[in-house]
Amino acid sequence: MAGSVDERKRTTLRRFAALGAATPFVGMAAADDESSTSDVPDAIRGYLSTTPGAHFSKLRDDLQLGTGETQHHLRTLVDRDEIVSRRDGEYRRFFHAGQFSPFEQVALGYLRRETPRRLLIALLESPTDTGSELADRLDVSRATVSTYAGQLEDAGLLDREGQYRVAHAETVLVLLVRYANSFGPDAVDFASRADGLITVE
């Protein structure tokens, strides 16, 4: 059993390492760093290229790493300025350095939370919905909508002046579509129908 678990871990790491090897920072690893012979740094790079804004526990679990192992490699990549992190409530989320603006980092963090993501998707699809209509659409209470709308407003992702409006809607929409597979089935479904919502300037 242990052998099969180790093989699954190696397969997972190699799959993401292949993606990580294509990132622009891969050649910057220090030659004398013992981790340079490991698939783990490349796997983390690859994972974050497909799942930006993942928090520590998700990254660790999806890559089947140990806690100490994950901490070591993340710390090394942060020290090399290859990745950056942002505190998001109780989570610390990770991104490739220089790839996302502060707004995009915040947006990705909220898009990784199911209810805020569903709320943003509903408003992108039907921007005139009231709080009650959103509650019915999402099958949650009006109080739940109000709570999450308040959080999104505080984060700069939602404007509640007059009616609900997604701030920088095009940016949020593009992030949803680009990383849909890493968010969940609701985002994948939305991405399949999003063409008509994107405005080409």
N, C-alpha and C. Protein backbone atom coordinates (compact mmCIF):
# COMPACT_ATOMS: atom_id res chain seq x y z
N MET A 1 0.83 -1.20 0.00
CA MET A 1 0.00 0.00 0.00
C MET A 1 0.86 1.25 0.00
N ALA A 2 1.91 1.25 0.84
CA ALA A 2 2.79 2.42 0.90
C ALA A 2 3.44 2.69 -0.44
N GLY A 3 3.82 1.61 -1.14
CA GLY A 3 4.45 1.78 -2.45
C GLY A 3 3.51 2.44 -3.45
N SER A 4 2.22 2.06 -3.43
CA SER A 4 1.27 2.64 -4.36
C SER A 4 1.01 4.10 -4.04
N VAL A 5 1.01 4.46 -2.74
CA VAL A 5 0.84 5.85 -2.34
C VAL A 5 2.02 6.68 -2.83
N ASP A 6 3.24 6.17 -2.64
CA ASP A 6 4.43 6.88 -3.09
C ASP A 6 4.41 7.08 -4.60
N GLU A 7 3.96 6.08 -5.33
CA GLU A 7 3.93 6.18 -6.78
C GLU A 7 2.90 7.21 -7.23
N ARG A 8 1.75 7.28 -6.54
CA ARG A 8 0.75 8.29 -6.87
C ARG A 8 1.31 9.68 -6.62
N LYS A 9 2.05 9.83 -5.52
CA LYS A 9 2.67 11.12 -5.21
C LYS A 9 3.66 11.50 -6.29
N ARG A 10 4.51 10.54 -6.70
CA ARG A 10 5.51 10.83 -7.75
C ARG A 10 4.83 11.22 -9.06
N THR A 11 3.74 10.53 -9.39
CA THR A 11 3.02 10.83 -10.63
C THR A 11 2.43 12.23 -10.57
N THR A 12 1.83 12.58 -9.43
CA THR A 12 1.26 13.91 -9.26
C THR A 12 2.34 14.98 -9.38
N LEU A 13 3.45 14.78 -8.69
CA LEU A 13 4.53 15.76 -8.73
C LEU A 13 5.09 15.92 -10.14
N ARG A 14 5.26 14.81 -10.85
CA ARG A 14 5.81 14.89 -12.21
C ARG A 14 4.87 15.63 -13.14
N ARG A 15 3.56 15.39 -12.95
CA ARG A 15 2.57 16.06 -13.82
C ARG A 15 2.65 17.57 -13.65
N PHE A 16 2.68 18.04 -12.41
CA PHE A 16 2.76 19.49 -12.19
C PHE A 16 4.16 20.02 -12.44
N ALA A 17 5.18 19.19 -12.23
CA ALA A 17 6.55 19.63 -12.49
C ALA A 17 6.76 19.93 -13.97
N ALA A 18 6.09 19.16 -14.83
CA ALA A 18 6.20 19.43 -16.27
C ALA A 18 5.67 20.81 -16.60
N LEU A 19 4.61 21.23 -15.91
CA LEU A 19 4.10 22.58 -16.10
C LEU A 19 5.05 23.60 -15.49
N GLY A 20 5.57 23.29 -14.32
CA GLY A 20 6.47 24.21 -13.65
C GLY A 20 7.75 24.44 -14.39
N ALA A 21 8.23 23.43 -15.11
CA ALA A 21 9.47 23.57 -15.86
C ALA A 21 9.36 24.60 -16.97
N ALA A 22 8.13 24.92 -17.35
CA ALA A 22 7.91 25.90 -18.42
C ALA A 22 7.80 27.32 -17.90
N THR A 23 7.83 27.49 -16.57
CA THR A 23 7.71 28.84 -16.03
C THR A 23 9.02 29.59 -16.19
N PRO A 24 8.98 30.92 -16.28
CA PRO A 24 10.20 31.69 -16.56
C PRO A 24 11.23 31.66 -15.45
N PHE A 25 10.85 31.21 -14.24
CA PHE A 25 11.78 31.26 -13.12
C PHE A 25 12.54 29.96 -12.92
N VAL A 26 12.20 28.91 -13.69
CA VAL A 26 12.77 27.61 -13.40
C VAL A 26 14.29 27.60 -13.51
N GLY A 27 14.84 28.38 -14.40
CA GLY A 27 16.28 28.37 -14.57
C GLY A 27 17.02 29.13 -13.51
N MET A 28 16.31 29.78 -12.58
CA MET A 28 16.94 30.62 -11.58
C MET A 28 17.27 29.87 -10.30
N ALA A 29 16.90 28.59 -10.20
CA ALA A 29 17.16 27.84 -8.98
C ALA A 29 18.66 27.72 -8.75
N ALA A 30 19.06 27.88 -7.50
CA ALA A 30 20.48 27.81 -7.17
C ALA A 30 21.01 26.41 -7.42
N ALA A 31 22.14 26.33 -8.10
CA ALA A 31 22.70 25.04 -8.48
C ALA A 31 23.10 24.21 -7.27
N ASP A 32 23.48 24.87 -6.17
CA ASP A 32 23.94 24.13 -5.01
C ASP A 32 22.81 23.84 -4.02
N ASP A 33 21.58 24.16 -4.38
CA ASP A 33 20.45 23.88 -3.50
C ASP A 33 20.05 22.42 -3.68
N GLU A 34 20.00 21.67 -2.57
CA GLU A 34 19.68 20.25 -2.67
C GLU A 34 18.31 20.02 -3.27
N SER A 35 17.40 21.01 -3.14
CA SER A 35 16.05 20.83 -3.67
C SER A 35 16.02 20.91 -5.19
N SER A 36 17.13 21.37 -5.81
CA SER A 36 17.12 21.50 -7.27
C SER A 36 17.03 20.16 -7.95
N THR A 37 17.32 19.06 -7.22
CA THR A 37 17.23 17.73 -7.81
C THR A 37 15.84 17.13 -7.59
N SER A 38 14.97 17.85 -6.94
CA SER A 38 13.65 17.35 -6.60
C SER A 38 12.61 17.88 -7.58
N ASP A 39 11.54 17.10 -7.76
CA ASP A 39 10.42 17.56 -8.58
C ASP A 39 9.55 18.56 -7.85
N VAL A 40 9.72 18.68 -6.53
CA VAL A 40 8.78 19.47 -5.74
C VAL A 40 8.74 20.94 -6.13
N PRO A 41 9.88 21.66 -6.23
CA PRO A 41 9.79 23.07 -6.61
C PRO A 41 9.08 23.28 -7.95
N ASP A 42 9.42 22.45 -8.95
CA ASP A 42 8.76 22.57 -10.25
C ASP A 42 7.28 22.24 -10.14
N ALA A 43 6.95 21.26 -9.29
CA ALA A 43 5.54 20.89 -9.11
C ALA A 43 4.77 22.05 -8.51
N ILE A 44 5.36 22.74 -7.54
CA ILE A 44 4.69 23.90 -6.94
C ILE A 44 4.52 24.99 -7.98
N ARG A 45 5.55 25.25 -8.77
CA ARG A 45 5.43 26.26 -9.84
C ARG A 45 4.30 25.89 -10.80
N GLY A 46 4.27 24.63 -11.21
CA GLY A 46 3.24 24.19 -12.14
C GLY A 46 1.86 24.26 -11.54
N TYR A 47 1.75 23.86 -10.28
CA TYR A 47 0.46 23.89 -9.60
C TYR A 47 -0.07 25.31 -9.52
N LEU A 48 0.80 26.26 -9.16
CA LEU A 48 0.35 27.65 -9.04
C LEU A 48 0.07 28.29 -10.39
N SER A 49 0.62 27.73 -11.47
CA SER A 49 0.30 28.26 -12.79
C SER A 49 -1.12 27.89 -13.19
N THR A 50 -1.64 26.81 -12.64
CA THR A 50 -3.01 26.38 -12.95
C THR A 50 -4.00 26.69 -11.84
N THR A 51 -3.48 26.91 -10.62
CA THR A 51 -4.33 27.14 -9.45
C THR A 51 -3.82 28.33 -8.65
N PRO A 52 -3.72 29.50 -9.27
CA PRO A 52 -3.23 30.67 -8.54
C PRO A 52 -4.17 31.04 -7.40
N GLY A 53 -3.58 31.43 -6.27
CA GLY A 53 -4.39 31.79 -5.12
C GLY A 53 -4.73 30.61 -4.23
N ALA A 54 -4.15 29.44 -4.53
CA ALA A 54 -4.36 28.29 -3.64
C ALA A 54 -3.75 28.59 -2.28
N HIS A 55 -4.42 28.13 -1.22
CA HIS A 55 -3.85 28.32 0.10
C HIS A 55 -2.97 27.12 0.47
N PHE A 56 -2.23 27.29 1.54
CA PHE A 56 -1.20 26.32 1.92
C PHE A 56 -1.72 24.89 1.99
N SER A 57 -2.82 24.68 2.71
CA SER A 57 -3.32 23.32 2.93
C SER A 57 -3.76 22.66 1.64
N LYS A 58 -4.41 23.43 0.76
CA LYS A 58 -4.85 22.86 -0.51
C LYS A 58 -3.66 22.47 -1.37
N LEU A 59 -2.67 23.36 -1.45
CA LEU A 59 -1.47 23.06 -2.23
C LEU A 59 -0.79 21.81 -1.68
N ARG A 60 -0.61 21.76 -0.38
CA ARG A 60 0.03 20.60 0.26
C ARG A 60 -0.73 19.31 -0.03
N ASP A 61 -2.05 19.35 0.14
CA ASP A 61 -2.84 18.13 -0.03
C ASP A 61 -2.92 17.71 -1.50
N ASP A 62 -3.12 18.66 -2.41
CA ASP A 62 -3.24 18.31 -3.82
C ASP A 62 -1.93 17.76 -4.38
N LEU A 63 -0.81 18.23 -3.86
CA LEU A 63 0.49 17.72 -4.32
C LEU A 63 0.97 16.54 -3.47
N GLN A 64 0.17 16.15 -2.48
CA GLN A 64 0.47 15.00 -1.63
C GLN A 64 1.83 15.15 -0.94
N LEU A 65 2.07 16.36 -0.39
CA LEU A 65 3.32 16.66 0.29
C LEU A 65 3.11 16.65 1.80
N GLY A 66 4.20 16.56 2.53
CA GLY A 66 4.16 16.71 3.97
C GLY A 66 4.14 18.19 4.33
N THR A 67 3.71 18.50 5.54
CA THR A 67 3.63 19.90 5.96
C THR A 67 5.01 20.56 5.96
N GLY A 68 5.99 19.91 6.59
CA GLY A 68 7.34 20.47 6.63
C GLY A 68 7.95 20.62 5.25
N GLU A 69 7.72 19.63 4.41
CA GLU A 69 8.23 19.66 3.04
C GLU A 69 7.65 20.84 2.28
N THR A 70 6.35 21.04 2.43
CA THR A 70 5.68 22.16 1.75
C THR A 70 6.20 23.48 2.27
N GLN A 71 6.32 23.62 3.57
CA GLN A 71 6.82 24.86 4.16
C GLN A 71 8.22 25.19 3.65
N HIS A 72 9.08 24.19 3.60
CA HIS A 72 10.46 24.40 3.15
C HIS A 72 10.51 24.92 1.72
N HIS A 73 9.81 24.26 0.83
CA HIS A 73 9.90 24.63 -0.59
C HIS A 73 9.19 25.96 -0.87
N LEU A 74 8.07 26.21 -0.20
CA LEU A 74 7.41 27.50 -0.37
C LEU A 74 8.29 28.63 0.14
N ARG A 75 8.92 28.43 1.29
CA ARG A 75 9.81 29.46 1.85
C ARG A 75 10.97 29.74 0.90
N THR A 76 11.53 28.68 0.31
CA THR A 76 12.64 28.86 -0.63
C THR A 76 12.20 29.64 -1.86
N LEU A 77 11.03 29.31 -2.40
CA LEU A 77 10.53 30.00 -3.60
C LEU A 77 10.17 31.45 -3.30
N VAL A 78 9.64 31.71 -2.10
CA VAL A 78 9.34 33.08 -1.70
C VAL A 78 10.65 33.86 -1.54
N ASP A 79 11.64 33.25 -0.90
CA ASP A 79 12.93 33.93 -0.70
C ASP A 79 13.60 34.26 -2.02
N ARG A 80 13.35 33.48 -3.04
CA ARG A 80 13.93 33.73 -4.36
C ARG A 80 13.08 34.69 -5.19
N ASP A 81 12.00 35.18 -4.59
CA ASP A 81 11.08 36.09 -5.29
C ASP A 81 10.43 35.45 -6.50
N GLU A 82 10.27 34.13 -6.47
CA GLU A 82 9.57 33.44 -7.55
C GLU A 82 8.07 33.41 -7.31
N ILE A 83 7.68 33.31 -6.04
CA ILE A 83 6.27 33.36 -5.71
C ILE A 83 6.07 34.36 -4.57
N VAL A 84 4.85 34.85 -4.46
CA VAL A 84 4.48 35.78 -3.39
C VAL A 84 3.26 35.21 -2.68
N SER A 85 3.02 35.69 -1.47
CA SER A 85 1.85 35.24 -0.73
C SER A 85 1.08 36.44 -0.22
N ARG A 86 -0.19 36.21 0.03
CA ARG A 86 -1.08 37.25 0.55
C ARG A 86 -1.97 36.63 1.62
N ARG A 87 -2.05 37.30 2.76
CA ARG A 87 -2.93 36.83 3.83
C ARG A 87 -4.38 37.11 3.44
N ASP A 88 -5.23 36.10 3.56
CA ASP A 88 -6.64 36.20 3.20
C ASP A 88 -7.44 35.59 4.34
N GLY A 89 -7.77 36.40 5.34
CA GLY A 89 -8.45 35.87 6.51
C GLY A 89 -7.57 34.87 7.22
N GLU A 90 -8.06 33.65 7.37
CA GLU A 90 -7.29 32.61 8.05
C GLU A 90 -6.33 31.90 7.09
N TYR A 91 -6.39 32.23 5.82
CA TYR A 91 -5.56 31.56 4.82
C TYR A 91 -4.39 32.44 4.38
N ARG A 92 -3.33 31.78 3.91
CA ARG A 92 -2.27 32.47 3.18
C ARG A 92 -2.27 31.88 1.77
N ARG A 93 -2.47 32.75 0.78
CA ARG A 93 -2.60 32.30 -0.60
C ARG A 93 -1.33 32.63 -1.37
N PHE A 94 -1.03 31.79 -2.37
CA PHE A 94 0.24 31.89 -3.09
C PHE A 94 0.01 32.13 -4.58
N PHE A 95 0.93 32.94 -5.16
CA PHE A 95 0.84 33.34 -6.57
C PHE A 95 2.25 33.41 -7.15
N HIS A 96 2.35 33.24 -8.46
CA HIS A 96 3.62 33.53 -9.12
C HIS A 96 3.89 35.03 -9.00
N ALA A 97 5.11 35.38 -8.70
CA ALA A 97 5.48 36.78 -8.53
C ALA A 97 5.30 37.55 -9.83
N GLY A 98 4.74 38.75 -9.72
CA GLY A 98 4.61 39.64 -10.87
C GLY A 98 3.53 39.27 -11.86
N GLN A 99 2.74 38.25 -11.56
CA GLN A 99 1.72 37.80 -12.54
C GLN A 99 0.36 38.46 -12.32
N PHE A 100 0.04 38.81 -11.07
CA PHE A 100 -1.30 39.32 -10.78
C PHE A 100 -1.20 40.64 -10.00
N SER A 101 -2.11 41.55 -10.32
CA SER A 101 -2.20 42.80 -9.58
C SER A 101 -2.79 42.51 -8.20
N PRO A 102 -2.67 43.45 -7.25
CA PRO A 102 -3.30 43.25 -5.94
C PRO A 102 -4.81 42.95 -6.06
N PHE A 103 -5.50 43.65 -6.95
CA PHE A 103 -6.93 43.39 -7.13
C PHE A 103 -7.16 41.96 -7.60
N GLU A 104 -6.37 41.51 -8.57
CA GLU A 104 -6.54 40.15 -9.09
C GLU A 104 -6.24 39.11 -8.02
N GLN A 105 -5.25 39.36 -7.17
CA GLN A 105 -4.96 38.43 -6.08
C GLN A 105 -6.15 38.32 -5.13
N VAL A 106 -6.73 39.46 -4.78
CA VAL A 106 -7.91 39.45 -3.90
C VAL A 106 -9.07 38.72 -4.58
N ALA A 107 -9.27 39.02 -5.86
CA ALA A 107 -10.37 38.39 -6.60
C ALA A 107 -10.19 36.88 -6.64
N LEU A 108 -8.99 36.42 -6.93
CA LEU A 108 -8.74 34.97 -6.99
C LEU A 108 -9.00 34.32 -5.64
N GLY A 109 -8.65 35.02 -4.55
CA GLY A 109 -8.92 34.46 -3.23
C GLY A 109 -10.40 34.25 -3.00
N TYR A 110 -11.21 35.22 -3.38
CA TYR A 110 -12.66 35.09 -3.18
C TYR A 110 -13.27 34.10 -4.17
N LEU A 111 -12.72 34.01 -5.36
CA LEU A 111 -13.23 33.04 -6.33
C LEU A 111 -12.95 31.61 -5.88
N ARG A 112 -12.03 31.42 -4.96
CA ARG A 112 -11.73 30.09 -4.44
C ARG A 112 -12.65 29.72 -3.28
N ARG A 113 -13.57 30.61 -2.93
CA ARG A 113 -14.57 30.32 -1.90
C ARG A 113 -15.91 30.11 -2.59
N GLU A 114 -16.58 29.03 -2.29
CA GLU A 114 -17.75 28.62 -3.07
C GLU A 114 -18.87 29.66 -3.10
N THR A 115 -19.34 30.12 -1.94
CA THR A 115 -20.49 31.03 -1.95
C THR A 115 -20.16 32.39 -2.57
N PRO A 116 -19.04 33.04 -2.23
CA PRO A 116 -18.70 34.28 -2.93
C PRO A 116 -18.56 34.09 -4.44
N ARG A 117 -17.97 32.95 -4.85
CA ARG A 117 -17.83 32.69 -6.29
C ARG A 117 -19.20 32.56 -6.95
N ARG A 118 -20.11 31.83 -6.34
CA ARG A 118 -21.45 31.66 -6.91
C ARG A 118 -22.18 32.99 -6.98
N LEU A 119 -21.97 33.84 -5.97
CA LEU A 119 -22.59 35.16 -5.96
C LEU A 119 -22.05 36.02 -7.10
N LEU A 120 -20.75 36.00 -7.29
CA LEU A 120 -20.15 36.79 -8.38
C LEU A 120 -20.60 36.27 -9.74
N ILE A 121 -20.65 34.96 -9.89
CA ILE A 121 -21.11 34.38 -11.16
C ILE A 121 -22.55 34.80 -11.44
N ALA A 122 -23.41 34.73 -10.42
CA ALA A 122 -24.81 35.11 -10.60
C ALA A 122 -24.93 36.57 -11.03
N LEU A 123 -24.13 37.45 -10.45
CA LEU A 123 -24.20 38.86 -10.80
C LEU A 123 -23.60 39.15 -12.17
N LEU A 124 -22.59 38.39 -12.57
CA LEU A 124 -22.05 38.56 -13.92
C LEU A 124 -23.08 38.14 -14.96
N GLU A 125 -23.84 37.12 -14.64
CA GLU A 125 -24.85 36.63 -15.59
C GLU A 125 -26.12 37.48 -15.57
N SER A 126 -26.46 37.99 -14.40
CA SER A 126 -27.71 38.73 -14.26
C SER A 126 -27.48 39.93 -13.34
N PRO A 127 -26.84 40.99 -13.87
CA PRO A 127 -26.40 42.11 -13.03
C PRO A 127 -27.52 42.93 -12.40
N THR A 128 -28.76 42.73 -12.82
CA THR A 128 -29.85 43.52 -12.24
C THR A 128 -30.57 42.80 -11.11
N ASP A 129 -30.12 41.60 -10.76
CA ASP A 129 -30.78 40.84 -9.69
C ASP A 129 -30.71 41.59 -8.37
N THR A 130 -31.81 41.54 -7.63
CA THR A 130 -31.85 42.09 -6.27
C THR A 130 -31.31 41.05 -5.29
N GLY A 131 -31.14 41.46 -4.05
CA GLY A 131 -30.68 40.54 -3.03
C GLY A 131 -31.61 39.34 -2.88
N SER A 132 -32.90 39.58 -2.92
CA SER A 132 -33.87 38.48 -2.80
C SER A 132 -33.78 37.54 -3.98
N GLU A 133 -33.63 38.10 -5.17
CA GLU A 133 -33.51 37.26 -6.37
C GLU A 133 -32.22 36.44 -6.34
N LEU A 134 -31.17 37.05 -5.86
CA LEU A 134 -29.91 36.31 -5.73
C LEU A 134 -30.05 35.17 -4.72
N ALA A 135 -30.72 35.44 -3.61
CA ALA A 135 -30.93 34.40 -2.60
C ALA A 135 -31.70 33.22 -3.19
N ASP A 136 -32.74 33.52 -3.98
CA ASP A 136 -33.52 32.46 -4.63
C ASP A 136 -32.66 31.69 -5.63
N ARG A 137 -31.89 32.42 -6.41
CA ARG A 137 -31.06 31.79 -7.44
C ARG A 137 -30.01 30.86 -6.82
N LEU A 138 -29.43 31.31 -5.72
CA LEU A 138 -28.36 30.54 -5.08
C LEU A 138 -28.87 29.55 -4.04
N ASP A 139 -30.17 29.62 -3.76
CA ASP A 139 -30.79 28.75 -2.76
C ASP A 139 -30.14 28.93 -1.39
N VAL A 140 -29.97 30.20 -1.02
CA VAL A 140 -29.45 30.55 0.30
C VAL A 140 -30.36 31.61 0.89
N SER A 141 -30.15 31.96 2.14
CA SER A 141 -30.99 32.98 2.77
C SER A 141 -30.59 34.37 2.30
N ARG A 142 -31.51 35.31 2.47
CA ARG A 142 -31.22 36.71 2.14
C ARG A 142 -30.08 37.22 3.02
N ALA A 143 -30.04 36.75 4.28
CA ALA A 143 -28.97 37.17 5.19
C ALA A 143 -27.61 36.68 4.71
N THR A 144 -27.57 35.48 4.12
CA THR A 144 -26.30 34.95 3.59
C THR A 144 -25.81 35.81 2.44
N VAL A 145 -26.73 36.18 1.55
CA VAL A 145 -26.36 37.06 0.44
C VAL A 145 -25.82 38.37 0.98
N SER A 146 -26.51 38.95 1.96
CA SER A 146 -26.09 40.23 2.52
C SER A 146 -24.71 40.13 3.17
N THR A 147 -24.47 39.03 3.89
CA THR A 147 -23.18 38.85 4.57
C THR A 147 -22.04 38.77 3.57
N TYR A 148 -22.21 37.94 2.56
CA TYR A 148 -21.12 37.78 1.58
C TYR A 148 -20.98 39.00 0.68
N ALA A 149 -22.09 39.65 0.38
CA ALA A 149 -22.02 40.88 -0.40
C ALA A 149 -21.23 41.93 0.36
N GLY A 150 -21.43 42.00 1.67
CA GLY A 150 -20.68 42.94 2.49
C GLY A 150 -19.19 42.64 2.47
N GLN A 151 -18.84 41.35 2.54
CA GLN A 151 -17.43 40.96 2.48
C GLN A 151 -16.82 41.33 1.13
N LEU A 152 -17.55 41.08 0.07
CA LEU A 152 -17.06 41.40 -1.27
C LEU A 152 -16.92 42.90 -1.46
N GLU A 153 -17.84 43.66 -0.87
CA GLU A 153 -17.75 45.12 -0.95
C GLU A 153 -16.51 45.61 -0.20
N ASP A 154 -16.29 45.08 1.00
CA ASP A 154 -15.12 45.47 1.78
C ASP A 154 -13.82 45.14 1.05
N ALA A 155 -13.85 44.06 0.28
CA ALA A 155 -12.66 43.63 -0.46
C ALA A 155 -12.48 44.39 -1.77
N GLY A 156 -13.45 45.24 -2.13
CA GLY A 156 -13.35 46.01 -3.36
C GLY A 156 -13.82 45.27 -4.60
N LEU A 157 -14.55 44.18 -4.40
CA LEU A 157 -15.02 43.38 -5.53
C LEU A 157 -16.48 43.66 -5.89
N LEU A 158 -17.17 44.38 -5.03
CA LEU A 158 -18.60 44.61 -5.25
C LEU A 158 -18.96 46.02 -4.83
N ASP A 159 -19.80 46.64 -5.63
CA ASP A 159 -20.34 47.96 -5.30
C ASP A 159 -21.83 47.78 -5.01
N ARG A 160 -22.27 48.20 -3.82
CA ARG A 160 -23.68 48.03 -3.46
C ARG A 160 -24.43 49.35 -3.48
N GLU A 161 -23.87 50.34 -4.13
CA GLU A 161 -24.53 51.65 -4.24
C GLU A 161 -25.70 51.54 -5.20
N GLY A 162 -26.91 51.61 -4.69
CA GLY A 162 -28.09 51.51 -5.55
C GLY A 162 -28.47 50.07 -5.81
N GLN A 163 -27.59 49.31 -6.50
CA GLN A 163 -27.81 47.89 -6.73
C GLN A 163 -26.45 47.20 -6.72
N TYR A 164 -26.48 45.87 -6.65
CA TYR A 164 -25.23 45.14 -6.65
C TYR A 164 -24.54 45.27 -8.01
N ARG A 165 -23.24 45.54 -8.00
CA ARG A 165 -22.48 45.62 -9.25
C ARG A 165 -21.07 45.08 -9.00
N VAL A 166 -20.64 44.13 -9.83
CA VAL A 166 -19.30 43.57 -9.69
C VAL A 166 -18.28 44.61 -10.14
N ALA A 167 -17.32 44.92 -9.27
CA ALA A 167 -16.27 45.88 -9.62
C ALA A 167 -15.29 45.22 -10.58
N HIS A 168 -14.86 45.99 -11.59
CA HIS A 168 -13.92 45.46 -12.59
C HIS A 168 -14.43 44.11 -13.11
N ALA A 169 -15.67 44.12 -13.56
CA ALA A 169 -16.34 42.88 -13.95
C ALA A 169 -15.59 42.11 -15.02
N GLU A 170 -15.00 42.82 -16.00
CA GLU A 170 -14.27 42.13 -17.07
C GLU A 170 -13.09 41.35 -16.50
N THR A 171 -12.38 41.94 -15.55
CA THR A 171 -11.23 41.27 -14.95
C THR A 171 -11.67 40.02 -14.19
N VAL A 172 -12.72 40.14 -13.41
CA VAL A 172 -13.23 39.00 -12.65
C VAL A 172 -13.70 37.91 -13.60
N LEU A 173 -14.38 38.30 -14.66
CA LEU A 173 -14.88 37.33 -15.62
C LEU A 173 -13.73 36.58 -16.29
N VAL A 174 -12.70 37.31 -16.69
CA VAL A 174 -11.55 36.66 -17.35
C VAL A 174 -10.85 35.68 -16.41
N LEU A 175 -10.70 36.06 -15.15
CA LEU A 175 -10.09 35.14 -14.18
C LEU A 175 -10.94 33.89 -14.01
N LEU A 176 -12.25 34.07 -13.94
CA LEU A 176 -13.15 32.93 -13.81
C LEU A 176 -13.02 31.96 -14.98
N VAL A 177 -12.97 32.51 -16.18
CA VAL A 177 -12.90 31.68 -17.37
C VAL A 177 -11.52 31.02 -17.49
N ARG A 178 -10.47 31.80 -17.27
CA ARG A 178 -9.11 31.29 -17.47
C ARG A 178 -8.78 30.15 -16.51
N TYR A 179 -9.26 30.25 -15.27
CA TYR A 179 -8.91 29.24 -14.26
C TYR A 179 -10.12 28.43 -13.82
N ALA A 180 -11.12 28.34 -14.70
CA ALA A 180 -12.39 27.68 -14.35
C ALA A 180 -12.18 26.27 -13.82
N ASN A 181 -11.30 25.50 -14.45
CA ASN A 181 -11.12 24.11 -14.04
C ASN A 181 -10.60 23.98 -12.62
N SER A 182 -9.97 25.01 -12.10
CA SER A 182 -9.43 24.93 -10.74
C SER A 182 -10.42 25.41 -9.69
N PHE A 183 -11.53 25.98 -10.13
CA PHE A 183 -12.52 26.50 -9.18
C PHE A 183 -13.59 25.47 -8.83
N GLY A 184 -14.16 24.85 -9.82
CA GLY A 184 -15.22 23.88 -9.56
C GLY A 184 -16.20 23.81 -10.71
N PRO A 185 -17.15 22.88 -10.65
CA PRO A 185 -18.11 22.67 -11.75
C PRO A 185 -18.92 23.92 -12.08
N ASP A 186 -19.25 24.74 -11.07
CA ASP A 186 -20.04 25.93 -11.34
C ASP A 186 -19.27 26.90 -12.24
N ALA A 187 -17.96 27.02 -12.00
CA ALA A 187 -17.14 27.91 -12.83
C ALA A 187 -16.95 27.34 -14.23
N VAL A 188 -16.79 26.03 -14.33
CA VAL A 188 -16.64 25.39 -15.64
C VAL A 188 -17.91 25.60 -16.46
N ASP A 189 -19.06 25.43 -15.81
CA ASP A 189 -20.33 25.65 -16.50
C ASP A 189 -20.46 27.10 -16.94
N PHE A 190 -20.10 28.02 -16.07
CA PHE A 190 -20.15 29.44 -16.41
C PHE A 190 -19.22 29.75 -17.58
N ALA A 191 -18.02 29.21 -17.55
CA ALA A 191 -17.04 29.48 -18.61
C ALA A 191 -17.56 29.03 -19.97
N SER A 192 -18.33 27.95 -19.99
CA SER A 192 -18.85 27.44 -21.26
C SER A 192 -19.90 28.36 -21.86
N ARG A 193 -20.43 29.28 -21.04
CA ARG A 193 -21.48 30.19 -21.51
C ARG A 193 -21.06 31.65 -21.49
N ALA A 194 -19.78 31.90 -21.23
CA ALA A 194 -19.34 33.27 -20.94
C ALA A 194 -18.97 34.11 -22.16
N ASP A 195 -18.91 33.50 -23.33
CA ASP A 195 -18.45 34.25 -24.51
C ASP A 195 -19.22 35.53 -24.73
N GLY A 196 -20.51 35.47 -24.57
CA GLY A 196 -21.34 36.64 -24.83
C GLY A 196 -21.20 37.74 -23.80
N LEU A 197 -20.54 37.43 -22.67
CA LEU A 197 -20.39 38.42 -21.62
C LEU A 197 -19.10 39.21 -21.73
N ILE A 198 -18.17 38.72 -22.56
CA ILE A 198 -16.86 39.36 -22.68
C ILE A 198 -16.93 40.44 -23.74
N THR A 199 -16.54 41.66 -23.35
CA THR A 199 -16.52 42.78 -24.28
C THR A 199 -15.13 42.93 -24.87
N VAL A 200 -15.01 42.88 -26.18
CA VAL A 200 -13.72 43.05 -26.85
C VAL A 200 -13.54 44.52 -27.17
N GLU A 201 -12.49 45.13 -26.61
CA GLU A 201 -12.26 46.55 -26.83
C GLU A 201 -11.35 46.78 -28.03
